[in-house]
Amino acid sequence: MRHVALWGVLIVLCAAVVSAAESTVYDLQQVKPDQPNLAFCEASWSATKPADAGAMPDFKGAQVYFADMKLGNNPPMLVAIAWYRDTSAANRPKVTVRNANGQMVQRPAPVGYKPVVYIDRNGDRALADETPLEATKQEIKGLWRDGLATPDITIPVKYDLADGAEVTHDYTFRFVFPPGMGATPFAYALVETAWRGRIVLGGRECDLTLLDQDVDARITSMGEGRGDSYKLQPADGKPADDANGGGQLTQYVQWDGAYYRLAVRPDGAQVTVTPYDGPLATVVAVAQSGKIQPMNVSVLEFFGQNTVAYKAGNVSKMTILPGKYNVFYSLTSREGKPAVSGSFQSGSEIEVKGDETTVLKCGGKLTLDVQVNPVPAPSVGPLVPAAMSTRPAGEMLSVNITAKNAEGYAFRGNARPGVVPARVELLDSSGKVLATSSAQYG
C-alpha cells in the first residue's frame, strides 16, 4: 500500500467485492463549501420533552420540538426549536390565494413564526442555562433572499479511530428556515464544514469535494445509510469519459470508464482509493423507435447501492459493476426536425452479472394507466386561509397518468414540442372536457 500526502479529500468505507489492486492512502483537509450546502437534519424531532431533560427556559406558549443530535462519536446533544407566533407583516410568509376575481395572488399569511434554537453545549441535558439563538432574515445566495437562519454554530466533535486513538475536529453549521416554513417537527441546516482534496484516479489528478447531507458530522455512502454527496472534477479541466462527476455518494465511483472504491476514516482525515479489478457486466441499449421518428438512447444511468453509472451521447453499450440497479434513460430522435426527446425510469430493479451481457430495450409502444381521485379540502391553519377550506369535497381532483412500454419502464412525460402528442381528457358525467394532459413521444 502506498501513502500519498496531498491536501486531501474524504470518502466512504465498505465495498461488496475485495480487490487485489494496489490501494493508495491520501491525507484530507477540512474546508468551507464553495456553494451553500443545504442539508436535512436526520435527527428525530418530538413535541415531548425527553424524560432525562433538565431545566428548560420559559418558552412562553411557543410550539417546541426537541431532538437529540448525534455528531461523530459525541454523546447525543439535546436541541430544541421553539416556534413563536409572530403577527408582524415583515415576518409573515407569503401564501398563494384566489381573490374575488378568481385570480391567484400572493398575500401575507395570517400568522408568521419566529424560530429560536436552544443547544445543550455543556452536556448537562438542560437548556435553561444556554444562550438562545434567534433565527433572523438572511439572504443565502443560490437558495433564497428572505429565509431565516441562526448564527453559525461550531461544535467540537470527537471520533474514535480503529487503532484506539481519539481525534477531535470542529464542525460548523447553522439552522435555516426556508421562506414560508411554519412550526414543523423537522429541520434544515447549512453545513459549513466539508472535505476537499486531490486524489489520483487512473493516472489523472482529480479534485474531490464531499458534503455532509444529514447533519451528523460524518460522510457516509448510500450503501451505509442515506448517503451524503460528492463532486469530482479533473484537475486539468478536461472532462472525463464515462464518469459520474457528482451526486449521491456511493462506495464505488465511476471515472474514465473504470471504477474505484473510496474508503474514508471516520474522522475524515484520510481516504483510501482502490481500483476495482473484478468482473464487469455489459449492458447493450437498444432503442425501439416510435411511429413518428427513429430514436437513439441519449442518456443511460444506473442507480445501485454500491455505485451510480452514467453515460451520455449516442449510447449503445456500457460496462458497469455487477449488481441490482434502478435504470433511467432518455431517447432523442436521430432525424427530422424539431428534435423529440423522452425519458423513462424502471419500475423495479434489474440485475446484471459479471462477464455477462444484458440487453436493455428502450422505448417502444406505450400503454397508459389513468387514475383520478378527489382531493379533500385543506384544513384551516396558519398557512391555509379559511377561504381555501370551504371548497366542496370533490371539487378538486388529482389526475395521475402512468405510461409504460412493454418492458415495464415508466415514461416521465417530458418531451420537446414538435410532434402530435398523445392526449388524455378528463370528462364530467355530461361529457364536458374538464382538463387535458398530453405525453409526447417519438
Protein backbone atom coordinates (compact mmCIF):
# COMPACT_ATOMS: atom_id res chain seq x y z
CA MET A 1 0.00 0.00 0.00
CA ARG A 2 1.31 3.41 -0.97
CA HIS A 3 0.68 6.55 1.09
CA VAL A 4 0.42 9.94 -0.62
CA ALA A 5 0.19 13.12 1.45
CA LEU A 6 -1.84 15.58 -0.62
CA TRP A 7 -4.22 18.21 0.73
CA GLY A 8 -6.81 15.61 0.86
CA VAL A 9 -10.35 14.50 0.40
CA LEU A 10 -12.89 12.40 2.14
CA ILE A 11 -14.91 9.34 1.23
CA VAL A 12 -16.56 6.26 2.45
CA LEU A 13 -15.89 2.83 3.85
CA CYS A 14 -17.02 -0.61 2.69
CA ALA A 15 -17.26 -2.48 -0.57
CA ALA A 16 -19.03 -5.51 -1.90
CA VAL A 17 -16.03 -7.01 -3.70
CA VAL A 18 -12.46 -7.45 -2.43
CA SER A 19 -9.88 -6.17 -4.90
CA ALA A 20 -6.30 -7.30 -5.21
CA ALA A 21 -5.35 -3.98 -6.82
CA GLU A 22 -2.95 -1.67 -5.01
CA SER A 23 -4.52 0.89 -2.65
CA THR A 24 -3.33 4.45 -2.07
CA VAL A 25 -3.96 6.49 1.08
CA TYR A 26 -4.36 10.27 0.86
CA ASP A 27 -4.41 12.80 3.67
CA LEU A 28 -7.53 15.02 3.81
CA GLN A 29 -8.35 18.56 4.83
CA GLN A 30 -11.48 20.31 6.07
CA VAL A 31 -12.69 23.30 4.03
CA LYS A 32 -15.76 25.51 3.74
CA PRO A 33 -18.05 24.57 0.81
CA ASP A 34 -17.90 26.80 -2.28
CA GLN A 35 -21.70 26.79 -2.52
CA PRO A 36 -24.35 26.72 0.25
CA ASN A 37 -24.81 23.10 1.38
CA LEU A 38 -28.45 22.79 2.45
CA ALA A 39 -28.85 19.55 4.43
CA PHE A 40 -31.80 17.81 6.07
CA CYS A 41 -31.26 17.16 9.76
CA GLU A 42 -31.88 13.42 10.21
CA ALA A 43 -32.42 13.72 13.98
CA SER A 44 -35.85 12.60 15.26
CA TRP A 45 -37.91 15.61 16.47
CA SER A 46 -40.72 15.36 19.02
CA ALA A 47 -43.05 17.76 20.82
CA THR A 48 -42.46 15.74 24.01
CA LYS A 49 -39.55 16.78 26.21
CA PRO A 50 -37.10 13.90 26.80
CA ALA A 51 -37.62 12.20 30.17
CA ASP A 52 -34.00 12.83 31.23
CA ALA A 53 -34.01 16.54 30.26
CA GLY A 54 -33.18 19.10 32.95
CA ALA A 55 -34.33 22.67 33.47
CA MET A 56 -35.96 24.35 30.47
CA PRO A 57 -36.43 28.03 29.55
CA ASP A 58 -39.86 29.64 29.74
CA PHE A 59 -40.97 29.02 26.15
CA LYS A 60 -43.95 31.39 26.65
CA GLY A 61 -46.53 29.43 24.68
CA ALA A 62 -44.27 28.58 21.74
CA GLN A 63 -44.61 25.29 19.86
CA VAL A 64 -41.41 23.44 20.83
CA TYR A 65 -39.78 20.42 19.18
CA PHE A 66 -36.92 18.51 20.82
CA ALA A 67 -34.24 16.27 19.29
CA ASP A 68 -31.02 14.53 20.24
CA MET A 69 -28.43 15.29 17.55
CA LYS A 70 -25.65 12.72 17.13
CA LEU A 71 -22.40 14.25 15.84
CA GLY A 72 -19.48 11.89 15.26
CA ASN A 73 -18.82 9.93 18.47
CA ASN A 74 -20.08 12.72 20.74
CA PRO A 75 -22.82 11.92 23.27
CA PRO A 76 -26.30 12.89 21.98
CA MET A 77 -26.69 16.68 22.05
CA LEU A 78 -30.10 17.97 23.16
CA VAL A 79 -31.55 20.64 20.85
CA ALA A 80 -34.88 22.47 20.98
CA ILE A 81 -36.51 24.68 18.35
CA ALA A 82 -39.16 27.00 19.80
CA TRP A 83 -41.61 28.39 17.23
CA TYR A 84 -43.04 31.70 18.47
CA ARG A 85 -46.07 33.17 16.73
CA ASP A 86 -45.27 36.46 15.02
CA THR A 87 -48.06 38.66 13.65
CA SER A 88 -45.79 41.40 12.28
CA ALA A 89 -46.21 41.68 8.50
CA ALA A 90 -42.44 41.79 7.99
CA ASN A 91 -42.00 38.20 9.20
CA ARG A 92 -45.16 36.63 7.81
CA PRO A 93 -44.58 34.22 4.93
CA LYS A 94 -46.38 34.70 1.61
CA VAL A 95 -49.16 32.30 0.59
CA THR A 96 -50.96 32.00 -2.74
CA VAL A 97 -54.75 32.50 -2.58
CA ARG A 98 -57.57 33.14 -5.05
CA ASN A 99 -59.03 36.67 -4.89
CA ALA A 100 -62.62 37.78 -5.58
CA ASN A 101 -61.93 37.94 -9.34
CA GLY A 102 -60.70 34.35 -9.44
CA GLN A 103 -57.05 35.35 -9.81
CA MET A 104 -54.27 33.64 -7.86
CA VAL A 105 -52.34 36.26 -5.85
CA GLN A 106 -49.71 36.25 -3.10
CA ARG A 107 -50.60 37.67 0.32
CA PRO A 108 -49.05 37.50 3.80
CA ALA A 109 -50.21 34.52 5.83
CA PRO A 110 -52.46 35.34 8.82
CA VAL A 111 -49.71 34.30 11.24
CA GLY A 112 -45.96 34.01 10.86
CA TYR A 113 -43.39 32.29 13.05
CA LYS A 114 -40.12 33.31 14.65
CA PRO A 115 -37.98 30.24 15.48
CA VAL A 116 -35.48 30.30 18.34
CA VAL A 117 -32.95 27.47 18.81
CA TYR A 118 -31.52 26.19 22.11
CA ILE A 119 -28.47 23.86 22.13
CA ASP A 120 -27.09 21.98 25.12
CA ARG A 121 -23.43 22.84 24.64
CA ASN A 122 -22.23 21.78 28.11
CA GLY A 123 -23.86 18.34 28.03
CA ASP A 124 -25.94 18.69 31.23
CA ARG A 125 -29.22 17.88 29.42
CA ALA A 126 -30.61 21.29 30.42
CA LEU A 127 -31.41 24.26 28.18
CA ALA A 128 -32.29 26.95 30.73
CA ASP A 129 -28.61 27.85 31.06
CA GLU A 130 -27.98 28.06 27.28
CA THR A 131 -27.99 31.21 25.16
CA PRO A 132 -30.98 31.27 22.77
CA LEU A 133 -30.11 31.55 19.08
CA GLU A 134 -32.77 33.61 17.31
CA ALA A 135 -33.23 33.00 13.60
CA THR A 136 -33.18 36.24 11.62
CA LYS A 137 -33.71 37.07 7.96
CA GLN A 138 -30.64 36.23 5.90
CA GLU A 139 -30.11 36.22 2.16
CA ILE A 140 -28.41 32.98 1.19
CA LYS A 141 -27.13 33.22 -2.36
CA GLY A 142 -28.29 30.39 -4.53
CA LEU A 143 -31.13 29.49 -2.14
CA TRP A 144 -33.33 32.45 -1.12
CA ARG A 145 -33.45 36.13 -0.21
CA ASP A 146 -35.68 36.26 2.85
CA GLY A 147 -35.40 32.94 4.69
CA LEU A 148 -34.43 32.77 8.35
CA ALA A 149 -31.17 31.44 9.79
CA THR A 150 -29.39 31.25 13.14
CA PRO A 151 -25.80 32.42 13.63
CA ASP A 152 -23.08 29.85 12.89
CA ILE A 153 -22.84 27.04 15.45
CA THR A 154 -19.43 25.35 15.96
CA ILE A 155 -19.27 22.09 17.92
CA PRO A 156 -16.05 20.17 18.73
CA VAL A 157 -16.70 16.61 17.50
CA LYS A 158 -14.80 13.54 18.74
CA TYR A 159 -14.04 10.49 16.60
CA ASP A 160 -12.88 7.05 17.77
CA LEU A 161 -10.39 5.52 15.34
CA ALA A 162 -9.80 1.84 14.63
CA ASP A 163 -6.35 1.93 16.29
CA GLY A 164 -7.87 3.16 19.56
CA ALA A 165 -6.85 6.79 19.08
CA GLU A 166 -9.29 9.65 19.55
CA VAL A 167 -9.24 12.85 17.48
CA THR A 168 -11.37 15.99 17.55
CA HIS A 169 -12.42 18.32 14.72
CA ASP A 170 -14.65 21.40 14.74
CA TYR A 171 -17.97 21.07 12.90
CA THR A 172 -19.81 24.25 11.86
CA PHE A 173 -23.43 24.61 10.75
CA ARG A 174 -26.45 26.86 11.21
CA PHE A 175 -30.13 26.06 11.31
CA VAL A 176 -32.06 27.57 8.41
CA PHE A 177 -35.78 28.00 7.77
CA PRO A 178 -36.93 28.46 4.16
CA PRO A 179 -39.45 31.24 3.38
CA GLY A 180 -42.96 30.24 4.41
CA MET A 181 -41.85 27.42 6.72
CA GLY A 182 -44.13 27.05 9.74
CA ALA A 183 -43.86 25.20 13.05
CA THR A 184 -42.76 21.78 11.84
CA PRO A 185 -41.15 18.73 13.52
CA PHE A 186 -38.09 18.69 11.25
CA ALA A 187 -35.19 20.99 10.49
CA TYR A 188 -32.73 22.03 7.81
CA ALA A 189 -29.17 23.24 8.24
CA LEU A 190 -26.47 24.87 6.19
CA VAL A 191 -23.39 22.73 6.83
CA GLU A 192 -20.30 24.93 6.66
CA THR A 193 -17.79 22.06 7.01
CA ALA A 194 -16.76 19.93 4.01
CA TRP A 195 -13.80 17.79 2.98
CA ARG A 196 -11.83 18.52 -0.14
CA GLY A 197 -8.59 17.43 -1.70
CA ARG A 198 -6.76 15.99 -4.66
CA ILE A 199 -6.63 12.28 -5.42
CA VAL A 200 -5.40 10.27 -8.41
CA LEU A 201 -7.77 8.07 -10.43
CA GLY A 202 -6.36 6.15 -13.38
CA GLY A 203 -3.26 8.33 -13.51
CA ARG A 204 -5.26 11.58 -13.55
CA GLU A 205 -5.31 14.07 -10.68
CA CYS A 206 -8.85 14.90 -9.56
CA ASP A 207 -10.30 17.35 -7.06
CA LEU A 208 -12.91 15.77 -4.82
CA THR A 209 -15.36 17.57 -2.53
CA LEU A 210 -17.56 15.70 -0.06
CA LEU A 211 -20.56 17.21 1.70
CA ASP A 212 -22.50 16.11 4.77
CA GLN A 213 -26.19 15.87 3.81
CA ASP A 214 -27.75 14.68 7.09
CA VAL A 215 -26.03 16.90 9.72
CA ASP A 216 -24.24 14.12 11.62
CA ALA A 217 -20.63 15.31 11.15
CA ARG A 218 -19.76 12.20 9.13
CA ILE A 219 -19.55 11.30 5.45
CA THR A 220 -21.30 8.03 4.62
CA SER A 221 -22.20 6.35 1.35
CA MET A 222 -25.61 5.24 0.12
CA GLY A 223 -24.78 1.62 0.96
CA GLU A 224 -24.26 2.56 4.62
CA GLY A 225 -27.39 4.68 5.06
CA ARG A 226 -28.98 7.71 3.48
CA GLY A 227 -25.78 8.72 1.72
CA ASP A 228 -24.02 12.06 1.54
CA SER A 229 -22.89 13.80 -1.66
CA TYR A 230 -19.71 14.41 -3.62
CA LYS A 231 -18.30 16.37 -6.54
CA LEU A 232 -15.35 15.11 -8.62
CA GLN A 233 -13.51 17.34 -11.10
CA PRO A 234 -10.38 16.68 -13.21
CA ALA A 235 -7.53 18.93 -12.15
CA ASP A 236 -6.59 19.64 -15.79
CA GLY A 237 -10.13 20.78 -16.62
CA LYS A 238 -10.60 18.17 -19.36
CA PRO A 239 -13.85 16.18 -18.96
CA ALA A 240 -13.55 12.52 -18.09
CA ASP A 241 -15.17 9.88 -20.31
CA ASP A 242 -17.91 7.67 -18.85
CA ALA A 243 -17.76 9.37 -15.48
CA ASN A 244 -20.27 10.27 -12.80
CA GLY A 245 -18.85 13.56 -11.58
CA GLY A 246 -21.10 14.12 -8.60
CA GLY A 247 -24.31 13.42 -6.75
CA GLN A 248 -25.16 10.98 -4.00
CA LEU A 249 -22.03 9.30 -2.69
CA THR A 250 -21.67 5.57 -3.33
CA GLN A 251 -18.98 3.10 -2.27
CA TYR A 252 -17.60 2.95 -5.82
CA VAL A 253 -17.22 5.88 -8.20
CA GLN A 254 -17.01 5.71 -11.99
CA TRP A 255 -14.21 7.65 -13.67
CA ASP A 256 -12.90 7.42 -17.24
CA GLY A 257 -14.81 4.17 -17.70
CA ALA A 258 -13.23 2.49 -14.66
CA TYR A 259 -14.42 2.03 -11.07
CA TYR A 260 -12.68 2.89 -7.81
CA ARG A 261 -13.50 2.06 -4.23
CA LEU A 262 -13.24 5.03 -1.88
CA ALA A 263 -12.96 4.38 1.87
CA VAL A 264 -12.78 7.13 4.49
CA ARG A 265 -11.51 7.11 8.04
CA PRO A 266 -14.31 8.01 10.49
CA ASP A 267 -12.86 11.44 11.28
CA GLY A 268 -12.46 12.27 7.58
CA ALA A 269 -8.69 12.82 7.78
CA GLN A 270 -7.72 10.08 5.30
CA VAL A 271 -9.18 8.41 2.23
CA THR A 272 -8.10 5.14 0.67
CA VAL A 273 -8.51 4.67 -3.10
CA THR A 274 -8.54 1.14 -4.55
CA PRO A 275 -9.06 0.40 -8.28
CA TYR A 276 -11.73 -2.22 -8.95
CA ASP A 277 -10.29 -5.10 -10.97
CA GLY A 278 -13.11 -7.64 -10.72
CA PRO A 279 -15.56 -8.77 -13.43
CA LEU A 280 -17.80 -6.20 -15.10
CA ALA A 281 -21.27 -6.56 -16.59
CA THR A 282 -22.06 -5.38 -20.13
CA VAL A 283 -25.35 -3.64 -20.94
CA VAL A 284 -26.43 -3.19 -24.58
CA ALA A 285 -29.07 -0.47 -25.04
CA VAL A 286 -31.47 -0.96 -27.96
CA ALA A 287 -33.73 1.96 -28.90
CA GLN A 288 -37.16 0.82 -30.03
CA SER A 289 -38.42 3.63 -32.25
CA GLY A 290 -41.90 5.06 -32.13
CA LYS A 291 -44.10 5.58 -35.16
CA ILE A 292 -43.05 9.18 -35.86
CA GLN A 293 -39.27 9.36 -35.73
CA PRO A 294 -36.46 6.83 -35.16
CA MET A 295 -34.73 7.29 -31.80
CA ASN A 296 -31.33 6.98 -30.13
CA VAL A 297 -30.59 6.34 -26.48
CA SER A 298 -29.06 9.67 -25.42
CA VAL A 299 -28.68 9.13 -21.64
CA LEU A 300 -28.30 5.88 -19.70
CA GLU A 301 -27.94 5.89 -15.92
CA PHE A 302 -27.88 3.04 -13.37
CA PHE A 303 -28.59 3.62 -9.67
CA GLY A 304 -27.36 0.88 -7.31
CA GLN A 305 -26.47 0.55 -3.63
CA ASN A 306 -22.74 0.42 -4.39
CA THR A 307 -22.39 2.75 -7.36
CA VAL A 308 -24.06 5.03 -9.89
CA ALA A 309 -23.04 4.62 -13.54
CA TYR A 310 -23.75 7.30 -16.14
CA LYS A 311 -23.20 7.74 -19.87
CA ALA A 312 -24.48 10.37 -22.31
CA GLY A 313 -24.31 10.83 -26.08
CA ASN A 314 -25.29 8.14 -28.57
CA VAL A 315 -25.31 5.32 -26.02
CA SER A 316 -25.34 1.75 -27.28
CA LYS A 317 -23.24 -0.11 -24.69
CA MET A 318 -21.96 0.31 -21.13
CA THR A 319 -19.84 -1.72 -18.73
CA ILE A 320 -20.91 -1.50 -15.09
CA LEU A 321 -20.34 -3.24 -11.78
CA PRO A 322 -22.39 -6.41 -11.23
CA GLY A 323 -25.43 -5.90 -9.02
CA LYS A 324 -29.03 -4.69 -8.84
CA TYR A 325 -29.98 -1.31 -10.28
CA ASN A 326 -32.82 1.04 -10.96
CA VAL A 327 -32.46 2.38 -14.51
CA PHE A 328 -33.10 5.80 -16.05
CA TYR A 329 -32.70 6.51 -19.75
CA SER A 330 -33.58 9.16 -22.32
CA LEU A 331 -34.41 8.83 -26.02
CA THR A 332 -33.79 11.51 -28.63
CA SER A 333 -34.85 11.49 -32.28
CA ARG A 334 -31.94 10.97 -34.67
CA GLU A 335 -33.55 12.56 -37.71
CA GLY A 336 -36.28 15.05 -38.50
CA LYS A 337 -36.96 18.48 -37.07
CA PRO A 338 -37.79 19.54 -34.48
CA ALA A 339 -35.98 17.04 -32.30
CA VAL A 340 -38.07 14.98 -29.91
CA SER A 341 -36.96 13.51 -26.60
CA GLY A 342 -38.50 11.50 -23.78
CA SER A 343 -37.27 9.91 -20.55
CA PHE A 344 -38.07 6.62 -18.82
CA GLN A 345 -37.34 5.09 -15.44
CA SER A 346 -37.54 1.48 -14.29
CA GLY A 347 -40.45 0.43 -12.11
CA SER A 348 -38.37 -2.29 -10.46
CA GLU A 349 -34.73 -3.31 -10.11
CA ILE A 350 -32.86 -5.17 -12.81
CA GLU A 351 -29.87 -7.39 -12.04
CA VAL A 352 -26.73 -7.59 -14.18
CA LYS A 353 -23.98 -10.19 -13.70
CA GLY A 354 -20.24 -10.07 -14.18
CA ASP A 355 -18.88 -11.28 -17.53
CA GLU A 356 -22.44 -11.41 -18.93
CA THR A 357 -24.32 -9.17 -21.38
CA THR A 358 -27.80 -7.78 -20.64
CA VAL A 359 -29.93 -6.24 -23.42
CA LEU A 360 -31.99 -3.23 -22.32
CA LYS A 361 -34.90 -2.47 -24.65
CA CYS A 362 -35.58 1.26 -24.55
CA GLY A 363 -38.76 2.92 -25.79
CA GLY A 364 -41.41 1.15 -27.85
CA LYS A 365 -45.18 1.16 -27.73
CA LEU A 366 -46.72 2.78 -24.65
CA THR A 367 -49.77 1.90 -22.60
CA LEU A 368 -51.45 4.45 -20.33
CA ASP A 369 -52.87 3.95 -16.84
CA VAL A 370 -55.04 6.91 -15.75
CA GLN A 371 -56.18 7.33 -12.13
CA VAL A 372 -58.46 10.16 -10.97
CA ASN A 373 -59.01 10.80 -7.25
CA PRO A 374 -60.84 13.58 -5.36
CA VAL A 375 -58.63 15.86 -3.29
CA PRO A 376 -60.03 16.67 0.17
CA ALA A 377 -60.38 20.33 1.10
CA PRO A 378 -57.38 21.55 3.16
CA SER A 379 -57.79 22.20 6.87
CA VAL A 380 -57.63 25.78 8.10
CA GLY A 381 -54.22 26.56 9.57
CA PRO A 382 -51.52 29.23 9.76
CA LEU A 383 -50.72 28.86 6.05
CA VAL A 384 -54.24 27.94 4.79
CA PRO A 385 -56.77 30.82 4.76
CA ALA A 386 -60.36 29.91 5.60
CA ALA A 387 -61.46 30.75 2.05
CA MET A 388 -59.42 27.85 0.71
CA SER A 389 -61.02 25.32 3.07
CA THR A 390 -64.64 25.99 2.07
CA ARG A 391 -64.41 24.25 -1.31
CA PRO A 392 -66.90 21.39 -1.53
CA ALA A 393 -65.40 17.91 -1.35
CA GLY A 394 -64.64 16.54 -4.79
CA GLU A 395 -64.32 19.93 -6.49
CA MET A 396 -60.57 19.42 -6.78
CA LEU A 397 -59.30 16.27 -8.50
CA SER A 398 -55.90 14.63 -8.72
CA VAL A 399 -55.08 13.04 -12.09
CA ASN A 400 -52.16 10.58 -12.22
CA ILE A 401 -51.12 9.29 -15.64
CA THR A 402 -48.54 6.50 -15.92
CA ALA A 403 -47.25 5.45 -19.33
CA LYS A 404 -45.20 2.25 -19.66
CA ASN A 405 -43.57 0.40 -22.50
CA ALA A 406 -43.63 -3.37 -22.98
CA GLU A 407 -40.52 -3.78 -20.80
CA GLY A 408 -42.28 -2.10 -17.87
CA TYR A 409 -40.33 1.15 -17.87
CA ALA A 410 -42.35 4.23 -16.92
CA PHE A 411 -42.44 7.24 -19.26
CA ARG A 412 -41.75 10.50 -17.44
CA GLY A 413 -43.60 12.65 -19.98
CA ASN A 414 -41.02 15.40 -20.55
CA ALA A 415 -40.69 15.98 -24.29
CA ARG A 416 -39.91 18.82 -26.65
CA PRO A 417 -42.78 20.14 -28.77
CA GLY A 418 -42.99 19.34 -32.44
CA VAL A 419 -44.90 16.07 -32.71
CA VAL A 420 -48.58 15.22 -32.39
CA PRO A 421 -48.96 14.25 -28.71
CA ALA A 422 -51.00 11.52 -27.14
CA ARG A 423 -53.81 13.30 -25.30
CA VAL A 424 -55.76 12.32 -22.22
CA GLU A 425 -59.05 14.13 -21.47
CA LEU A 426 -60.86 14.33 -18.13
CA LEU A 427 -64.67 14.44 -18.67
CA ASP A 428 -67.57 15.00 -16.31
CA SER A 429 -70.76 12.90 -16.38
CA SER A 430 -72.25 15.06 -19.17
CA GLY A 431 -69.21 14.60 -21.40
CA LYS A 432 -67.82 18.08 -20.81
CA VAL A 433 -63.99 18.24 -21.02
CA LEU A 434 -62.71 19.46 -17.66
CA ALA A 435 -58.96 19.14 -18.31
CA THR A 436 -56.48 17.61 -20.70
CA SER A 437 -52.99 16.21 -20.35
CA SER A 438 -50.52 15.09 -23.01
CA ALA A 439 -47.41 12.95 -23.34
CA GLN A 440 -45.21 13.49 -26.36
CA TYR A 441 -43.18 10.58 -27.63
CA GLY A 442 -41.16 9.80 -30.75
